[in-house]
Amino acid sequence: GHNRLKAISLHGYKCQVCGFDFAETYGDLGRNYIEVHHVNPLAEQNGEHIVNPETDLVCLCANCHRMVHRNSHEVLAIDELKEIISR
């Protein structure tokens, strides 16, 4: 949708946690591919929430996206995941 495209235009196709670039690894197959993650899960939001692509959406590789959702009880914060991989 619109928010997804806006997030990608703002953040680009490199993972915002680990810097992975699908095109660098997979060539044409990976070009223009990234997963867009909601920082605050939509399910937890009550009422009308206007999604701000700059602050509410982040672009993640598949591995980092899986890891922020690894714990079924809470979504890991992007900064927490950055901290984990920088150890």
C-alpha atoms as a PDB file:
ATOM      1  CA  GLY A   1       0.000   0.000   0.000  1.00  0.00           C
ATOM      2  CA  HIS A   2       0.841   3.695   0.109  1.00  0.00           C
ATOM      3  CA  ASN A   3       2.456   3.589   3.563  1.00  0.00           C
ATOM      4  CA  ARG A   4       4.698   0.702   2.563  1.00  0.00           C
ATOM      5  CA  LEU A   5       5.949   2.559  -0.515  1.00  0.00           C
ATOM      6  CA  LYS A   6       6.433   5.760   1.493  1.00  0.00           C
ATOM      7  CA  ALA A   7       8.428   3.883   4.153  1.00  0.00           C
ATOM      8  CA  ILE A   8      10.683   2.384   1.483  1.00  0.00           C
ATOM      9  CA  SER A   9      11.210   5.765  -0.181  1.00  0.00           C
ATOM     10  CA  LEU A  10      12.216   7.214   3.213  1.00  0.00           C
ATOM     11  CA  HIS A  11      14.265   4.322   4.592  1.00  0.00           C
ATOM     12  CA  GLY A  12      15.491   2.527   1.478  1.00  0.00           C
ATOM     13  CA  TYR A  13      16.050  -1.164   0.769  1.00  0.00           C
ATOM     14  CA  LYS A  14      18.804  -1.848   3.332  1.00  0.00           C
ATOM     15  CA  CYS A  15      17.786  -3.459   6.624  1.00  0.00           C
ATOM     16  CA  GLN A  16      17.623  -0.750   9.284  1.00  0.00           C
ATOM     17  CA  VAL A  17      18.968  -3.149  11.906  1.00  0.00           C
ATOM     18  CA  CYS A  18      21.785  -5.123  10.262  1.00  0.00           C
ATOM     19  CA  GLY A  19      22.285  -3.307   6.957  1.00  0.00           C
ATOM     20  CA  PHE A  20      21.570  -6.374   4.818  1.00  0.00           C
ATOM     21  CA  ASP A  21      20.885  -5.509   1.180  1.00  0.00           C
ATOM     22  CA  PHE A  22      18.997  -8.158  -0.806  1.00  0.00           C
ATOM     23  CA  ALA A  23      20.294  -6.818  -4.151  1.00  0.00           C
ATOM     24  CA  GLU A  24      23.927  -7.088  -3.024  1.00  0.00           C
ATOM     25  CA  THR A  25      23.484 -10.753  -2.147  1.00  0.00           C
ATOM     26  CA  TYR A  26      20.877 -11.919  -4.649  1.00  0.00           C
ATOM     27  CA  GLY A  27      21.479  -9.569  -7.582  1.00  0.00           C
ATOM     28  CA  ASP A  28      18.434  -8.923  -9.772  1.00  0.00           C
ATOM     29  CA  LEU A  29      16.337 -11.400  -7.785  1.00  0.00           C
ATOM     30  CA  GLY A  30      16.781  -9.344  -4.613  1.00  0.00           C
ATOM     31  CA  ARG A  31      16.522  -5.900  -6.187  1.00  0.00           C
ATOM     32  CA  ASN A  32      13.854  -3.665  -4.653  1.00  0.00           C
ATOM     33  CA  TYR A  33      13.002  -6.188  -1.931  1.00  0.00           C
ATOM     34  CA  ILE A  34      12.670  -5.419   1.778  1.00  0.00           C
ATOM     35  CA  GLU A  35      10.105  -6.218   4.462  1.00  0.00           C
ATOM     36  CA  VAL A  36       8.231  -3.381   6.136  1.00  0.00           C
ATOM     37  CA  HIS A  37       7.590  -3.733   9.869  1.00  0.00           C
ATOM     38  CA  HIS A  38       5.145  -1.831  12.083  1.00  0.00           C
ATOM     39  CA  VAL A  39       7.045  -0.589  15.128  1.00  0.00           C
ATOM     40  CA  ASN A  40       3.806  -0.618  17.130  1.00  0.00           C
ATOM     41  CA  PRO A  41       1.774  -3.653  16.060  1.00  0.00           C
ATOM     42  CA  LEU A  42      -1.579  -2.700  14.573  1.00  0.00           C
ATOM     43  CA  ALA A  43      -3.332  -5.253  16.761  1.00  0.00           C
ATOM     44  CA  GLU A  44      -2.323  -3.287  19.866  1.00  0.00           C
ATOM     45  CA  GLN A  45      -3.687  -0.010  18.576  1.00  0.00           C
ATOM     46  CA  ASN A  46      -7.210   0.897  19.512  1.00  0.00           C
ATOM     47  CA  GLY A  47      -9.181   3.378  17.472  1.00  0.00           C
ATOM     48  CA  GLU A  48      -7.947   5.350  14.528  1.00  0.00           C
ATOM     49  CA  HIS A  49      -4.198   5.589  14.331  1.00  0.00           C
ATOM     50  CA  ILE A  50      -2.595   7.447  11.471  1.00  0.00           C
ATOM     51  CA  VAL A  51       0.527   5.526  10.473  1.00  0.00           C
ATOM     52  CA  ASN A  52       3.552   7.774  10.005  1.00  0.00           C
ATOM     53  CA  PRO A  53       5.855   5.886   7.617  1.00  0.00           C
ATOM     54  CA  GLU A  54       8.907   7.742   8.943  1.00  0.00           C
ATOM     55  CA  THR A  55       8.445   6.799  12.601  1.00  0.00           C
ATOM     56  CA  ASP A  56       5.970   3.892  12.652  1.00  0.00           C
ATOM     57  CA  LEU A  57       7.455   1.739   9.895  1.00  0.00           C
ATOM     58  CA  VAL A  58      10.943   0.285   9.517  1.00  0.00           C
ATOM     59  CA  CYS A  59      12.511  -1.643   6.666  1.00  0.00           C
ATOM     60  CA  LEU A  60      13.938  -4.988   7.756  1.00  0.00           C
ATOM     61  CA  CYS A  61      15.531  -8.020   6.154  1.00  0.00           C
ATOM     62  CA  ALA A  62      13.628 -11.277   6.607  1.00  0.00           C
ATOM     63  CA  ASN A  63      15.949 -12.463   9.411  1.00  0.00           C
ATOM     64  CA  CYS A  64      15.639  -9.318  11.516  1.00  0.00           C
ATOM     65  CA  HIS A  65      11.889  -9.208  10.864  1.00  0.00           C
ATOM     66  CA  ARG A  66      11.533 -12.783  12.176  1.00  0.00           C
ATOM     67  CA  MET A  67      13.659 -11.966  15.218  1.00  0.00           C
ATOM     68  CA  VAL A  68      11.611  -8.928  16.285  1.00  0.00           C
ATOM     69  CA  HIS A  69       8.582 -11.252  16.248  1.00  0.00           C
ATOM     70  CA  ARG A  70      10.423 -14.230  17.811  1.00  0.00           C
ATOM     71  CA  ASN A  71       8.732 -13.861  21.190  1.00  0.00           C
ATOM     72  CA  SER A  72       5.021 -14.370  20.633  1.00  0.00           C
ATOM     73  CA  HIS A  73       4.196 -12.244  23.710  1.00  0.00           C
ATOM     74  CA  GLU A  74       6.024  -9.071  22.736  1.00  0.00           C
ATOM     75  CA  VAL A  75       7.518  -7.446  19.681  1.00  0.00           C
ATOM     76  CA  LEU A  76      11.162  -6.574  20.219  1.00  0.00           C
ATOM     77  CA  ALA A  77      12.086  -2.917  19.811  1.00  0.00           C
ATOM     78  CA  ILE A  78      14.358  -2.122  16.864  1.00  0.00           C
ATOM     79  CA  ASP A  79      16.988  -0.609  19.184  1.00  0.00           C
ATOM     80  CA  GLU A  80      16.959  -3.764  21.315  1.00  0.00           C
ATOM     81  CA  LEU A  81      17.622  -5.930  18.259  1.00  0.00           C
ATOM     82  CA  LYS A  82      20.447  -3.578  17.175  1.00  0.00           C
ATOM     83  CA  GLU A  83      21.919  -3.969  20.659  1.00  0.00           C
ATOM     84  CA  ILE A  84      21.726  -7.776  20.436  1.00  0.00           C
ATOM     85  CA  ILE A  85      23.505  -8.014  17.093  1.00  0.00           C
ATOM     86  CA  SER A  86      26.205  -5.491  18.039  1.00  0.00           C
ATOM     87  CA  ARG A  87      27.462  -7.659  20.928  1.00  0.00           C
END
